[in-house]
Amino acid sequence: MNDAGDNVVNLSANDDGDGLVWTQSAKGKELVKLNSNDNGGLVNVHNKTGEPVAQMTADEYGNGVVGAYNRKEKGRTLQPGP
């Protein structure tokens, strides 16, 4: 908790029982989430209003995928390959 008593860091488990860590602003907006999915680790970054703007994860083949998005969730992903 921060000095004002707001919960800003959370440690938990997702629905699959895997570890979950996320931070949020004092206003309750999600900022960073460390999670997992069926392919491995997952990192989501949100802007100050809580909208998702970046993501790092693994694809179904074990390759890294990085995505960057505007606040309207429009964007691009970068994937390894030729």
N, C-alpha and C. Protein backbone atom coordinates (compact mmCIF):
# COMPACT_ATOMS: atom_id res chain seq x y z
N MET A 1 0.85 -1.19 0.00
CA MET A 1 0.00 0.00 0.00
C MET A 1 0.89 1.24 0.00
N ASN A 2 0.35 2.31 -0.54
CA ASN A 2 1.10 3.56 -0.50
C ASN A 2 0.82 4.29 0.82
N ASP A 3 1.41 5.47 0.99
CA ASP A 3 1.24 6.23 2.23
C ASP A 3 -0.21 6.59 2.54
N ALA A 4 -1.03 6.70 1.48
CA ALA A 4 -2.44 7.04 1.67
C ALA A 4 -3.31 5.81 1.97
N GLY A 5 -2.69 4.63 1.97
CA GLY A 5 -3.45 3.41 2.24
C GLY A 5 -4.07 2.77 1.02
N ASP A 6 -3.71 3.27 -0.17
CA ASP A 6 -4.23 2.70 -1.41
C ASP A 6 -3.44 1.45 -1.78
N ASN A 7 -4.12 0.41 -2.20
CA ASN A 7 -3.48 -0.81 -2.66
C ASN A 7 -2.91 -0.56 -4.05
N VAL A 8 -1.58 -0.58 -4.21
CA VAL A 8 -0.96 -0.27 -5.50
C VAL A 8 -0.12 -1.41 -6.06
N VAL A 9 0.16 -2.45 -5.27
CA VAL A 9 0.87 -3.63 -5.75
C VAL A 9 0.11 -4.86 -5.29
N ASN A 10 -0.15 -5.77 -6.20
CA ASN A 10 -0.94 -6.96 -5.90
C ASN A 10 -0.19 -8.23 -6.30
N LEU A 11 -0.21 -9.22 -5.44
CA LEU A 11 0.34 -10.55 -5.71
C LEU A 11 -0.81 -11.53 -5.59
N SER A 12 -1.00 -12.33 -6.61
CA SER A 12 -2.15 -13.21 -6.62
C SER A 12 -1.87 -14.40 -7.53
N ALA A 13 -2.93 -15.06 -7.96
CA ALA A 13 -2.86 -16.16 -8.92
C ALA A 13 -3.95 -15.94 -9.96
N ASN A 14 -3.67 -16.36 -11.19
CA ASN A 14 -4.70 -16.25 -12.23
C ASN A 14 -5.64 -17.45 -12.14
N ASP A 15 -6.58 -17.55 -13.04
CA ASP A 15 -7.57 -18.62 -13.00
C ASP A 15 -6.96 -20.01 -13.16
N ASP A 16 -5.77 -20.08 -13.78
CA ASP A 16 -5.09 -21.37 -13.96
C ASP A 16 -4.21 -21.73 -12.77
N GLY A 17 -4.13 -20.85 -11.78
CA GLY A 17 -3.30 -21.10 -10.61
C GLY A 17 -1.87 -20.63 -10.75
N ASP A 18 -1.54 -19.95 -11.85
CA ASP A 18 -0.20 -19.42 -12.06
C ASP A 18 -0.07 -18.07 -11.36
N GLY A 19 1.17 -17.67 -11.07
CA GLY A 19 1.42 -16.41 -10.39
C GLY A 19 0.97 -15.20 -11.19
N LEU A 20 0.58 -14.16 -10.48
CA LEU A 20 0.10 -12.92 -11.09
C LEU A 20 0.56 -11.76 -10.22
N VAL A 21 1.20 -10.78 -10.85
CA VAL A 21 1.65 -9.57 -10.16
C VAL A 21 1.16 -8.39 -10.98
N TRP A 22 0.56 -7.40 -10.31
CA TRP A 22 0.20 -6.20 -11.04
C TRP A 22 0.31 -4.98 -10.14
N THR A 23 0.58 -3.85 -10.81
CA THR A 23 0.63 -2.58 -10.10
C THR A 23 -0.50 -1.72 -10.63
N GLN A 24 -0.94 -0.82 -9.78
CA GLN A 24 -1.99 0.11 -10.20
C GLN A 24 -1.72 1.46 -9.59
N SER A 25 -2.33 2.48 -10.18
CA SER A 25 -2.19 3.83 -9.66
C SER A 25 -3.01 3.98 -8.39
N ALA A 26 -2.78 5.06 -7.67
CA ALA A 26 -3.56 5.34 -6.47
C ALA A 26 -5.05 5.50 -6.79
N LYS A 27 -5.36 5.80 -8.05
CA LYS A 27 -6.75 5.94 -8.49
C LYS A 27 -7.36 4.61 -8.92
N GLY A 28 -6.58 3.52 -8.82
CA GLY A 28 -7.11 2.19 -9.14
C GLY A 28 -6.95 1.78 -10.59
N LYS A 29 -6.21 2.54 -11.39
CA LYS A 29 -5.99 2.19 -12.80
C LYS A 29 -4.83 1.21 -12.91
N GLU A 30 -5.04 0.10 -13.61
CA GLU A 30 -3.98 -0.88 -13.81
C GLU A 30 -2.85 -0.27 -14.62
N LEU A 31 -1.59 -0.50 -14.20
CA LEU A 31 -0.43 0.05 -14.89
C LEU A 31 0.42 -1.04 -15.53
N VAL A 32 0.84 -2.04 -14.78
CA VAL A 32 1.66 -3.13 -15.29
C VAL A 32 1.14 -4.44 -14.73
N LYS A 33 1.03 -5.45 -15.59
CA LYS A 33 0.59 -6.77 -15.14
C LYS A 33 1.57 -7.82 -15.65
N LEU A 34 2.07 -8.66 -14.74
CA LEU A 34 2.91 -9.80 -15.08
C LEU A 34 2.07 -11.04 -14.86
N ASN A 35 1.90 -11.81 -15.90
CA ASN A 35 0.95 -12.91 -15.87
C ASN A 35 1.49 -14.04 -16.73
N SER A 36 0.67 -14.97 -17.09
CA SER A 36 1.04 -16.03 -18.00
C SER A 36 -0.17 -16.41 -18.85
N ASN A 37 0.13 -17.09 -19.94
CA ASN A 37 -0.93 -17.68 -20.75
C ASN A 37 -0.46 -19.07 -21.15
N ASP A 38 -1.14 -19.74 -22.03
CA ASP A 38 -0.77 -21.11 -22.42
C ASP A 38 0.61 -21.19 -23.06
N ASN A 39 1.12 -20.07 -23.58
CA ASN A 39 2.41 -20.07 -24.28
C ASN A 39 3.58 -19.66 -23.41
N GLY A 40 3.33 -19.15 -22.20
CA GLY A 40 4.42 -18.73 -21.31
C GLY A 40 4.10 -17.42 -20.63
N GLY A 41 5.16 -16.63 -20.39
CA GLY A 41 5.00 -15.37 -19.68
C GLY A 41 4.30 -14.31 -20.51
N LEU A 42 3.75 -13.33 -19.80
CA LEU A 42 2.98 -12.26 -20.43
C LEU A 42 3.16 -10.99 -19.61
N VAL A 43 3.53 -9.90 -20.28
CA VAL A 43 3.67 -8.59 -19.63
C VAL A 43 2.76 -7.62 -20.37
N ASN A 44 1.90 -6.94 -19.64
CA ASN A 44 1.02 -5.91 -20.21
C ASN A 44 1.33 -4.58 -19.54
N VAL A 45 1.43 -3.53 -20.35
CA VAL A 45 1.66 -2.18 -19.84
C VAL A 45 0.47 -1.32 -20.25
N HIS A 46 -0.02 -0.54 -19.29
CA HIS A 46 -1.18 0.33 -19.52
C HIS A 46 -0.76 1.79 -19.33
N ASN A 47 -1.45 2.70 -19.99
CA ASN A 47 -1.15 4.12 -19.79
C ASN A 47 -1.81 4.60 -18.49
N LYS A 48 -1.66 5.88 -18.19
CA LYS A 48 -2.14 6.40 -16.90
C LYS A 48 -3.65 6.31 -16.72
N THR A 49 -4.39 6.15 -17.82
CA THR A 49 -5.84 6.01 -17.69
C THR A 49 -6.28 4.54 -17.70
N GLY A 50 -5.29 3.61 -17.73
CA GLY A 50 -5.60 2.20 -17.63
C GLY A 50 -5.80 1.48 -18.95
N GLU A 51 -5.56 2.16 -20.07
CA GLU A 51 -5.73 1.53 -21.37
C GLU A 51 -4.46 0.77 -21.76
N PRO A 52 -4.57 -0.44 -22.31
CA PRO A 52 -3.38 -1.21 -22.68
C PRO A 52 -2.63 -0.56 -23.85
N VAL A 53 -1.30 -0.43 -23.71
CA VAL A 53 -0.51 0.21 -24.77
C VAL A 53 0.69 -0.62 -25.22
N ALA A 54 1.09 -1.64 -24.47
CA ALA A 54 2.22 -2.49 -24.89
C ALA A 54 2.06 -3.87 -24.28
N GLN A 55 2.59 -4.88 -25.01
CA GLN A 55 2.50 -6.25 -24.53
C GLN A 55 3.71 -7.04 -25.01
N MET A 56 4.23 -7.89 -24.13
CA MET A 56 5.28 -8.85 -24.50
C MET A 56 4.79 -10.23 -24.10
N THR A 57 4.93 -11.18 -25.00
CA THR A 57 4.49 -12.54 -24.72
C THR A 57 5.23 -13.51 -25.62
N ALA A 58 4.92 -14.77 -25.52
CA ALA A 58 5.45 -15.80 -26.41
C ALA A 58 4.31 -16.31 -27.28
N ASP A 59 4.64 -16.64 -28.53
CA ASP A 59 3.60 -17.22 -29.39
C ASP A 59 3.55 -18.73 -29.19
N GLU A 60 2.69 -19.40 -29.95
CA GLU A 60 2.49 -20.83 -29.77
C GLU A 60 3.71 -21.67 -30.13
N TYR A 61 4.70 -21.06 -30.82
CA TYR A 61 5.92 -21.76 -31.18
C TYR A 61 7.09 -21.45 -30.24
N GLY A 62 6.85 -20.64 -29.22
CA GLY A 62 7.89 -20.28 -28.27
C GLY A 62 8.70 -19.06 -28.67
N ASN A 63 8.27 -18.34 -29.70
CA ASN A 63 8.94 -17.13 -30.15
C ASN A 63 8.40 -15.92 -29.42
N GLY A 64 9.23 -14.90 -29.26
CA GLY A 64 8.79 -13.67 -28.61
C GLY A 64 7.93 -12.81 -29.52
N VAL A 65 6.95 -12.16 -28.93
CA VAL A 65 6.07 -11.24 -29.65
C VAL A 65 5.95 -9.97 -28.82
N VAL A 66 6.19 -8.81 -29.46
CA VAL A 66 6.08 -7.52 -28.79
C VAL A 66 5.05 -6.70 -29.54
N GLY A 67 4.14 -6.09 -28.81
CA GLY A 67 3.12 -5.25 -29.44
C GLY A 67 3.09 -3.87 -28.82
N ALA A 68 2.84 -2.87 -29.65
CA ALA A 68 2.68 -1.50 -29.17
C ALA A 68 1.40 -0.95 -29.79
N TYR A 69 0.60 -0.27 -28.97
CA TYR A 69 -0.73 0.16 -29.39
C TYR A 69 -0.99 1.59 -28.93
N ASN A 70 -1.85 2.29 -29.65
CA ASN A 70 -2.28 3.59 -29.16
C ASN A 70 -3.39 3.37 -28.14
N ARG A 71 -3.88 4.44 -27.56
CA ARG A 71 -4.87 4.29 -26.49
C ARG A 71 -6.21 3.76 -26.98
N LYS A 72 -6.39 3.67 -28.29
CA LYS A 72 -7.61 3.09 -28.87
C LYS A 72 -7.39 1.62 -29.25
N GLU A 73 -6.27 1.04 -28.76
CA GLU A 73 -5.90 -0.35 -28.99
C GLU A 73 -5.62 -0.68 -30.45
N LYS A 74 -5.21 0.31 -31.24
CA LYS A 74 -4.77 0.10 -32.61
C LYS A 74 -3.25 0.13 -32.61
N GLY A 75 -2.62 -0.82 -33.26
CA GLY A 75 -1.17 -0.83 -33.25
C GLY A 75 -0.60 -1.96 -34.07
N ARG A 76 0.63 -2.33 -33.72
CA ARG A 76 1.35 -3.34 -34.46
C ARG A 76 2.07 -4.28 -33.52
N THR A 77 2.38 -5.46 -34.03
CA THR A 77 3.20 -6.39 -33.28
C THR A 77 4.47 -6.69 -34.06
N LEU A 78 5.52 -6.98 -33.33
CA LEU A 78 6.81 -7.37 -33.90
C LEU A 78 7.03 -8.82 -33.53
N GLN A 79 7.27 -9.65 -34.55
CA GLN A 79 7.50 -11.06 -34.32
C GLN A 79 8.80 -11.45 -35.00
N PRO A 80 9.55 -12.41 -34.44
CA PRO A 80 10.79 -12.83 -35.07
C PRO A 80 10.50 -13.60 -36.35
N GLY A 81 11.46 -13.58 -37.23
CA GLY A 81 11.30 -14.32 -38.49
C GLY A 81 12.09 -13.67 -39.59
N PRO A 82 12.09 -14.30 -40.75
CA PRO A 82 12.85 -13.78 -41.89
C PRO A 82 12.28 -12.50 -42.45
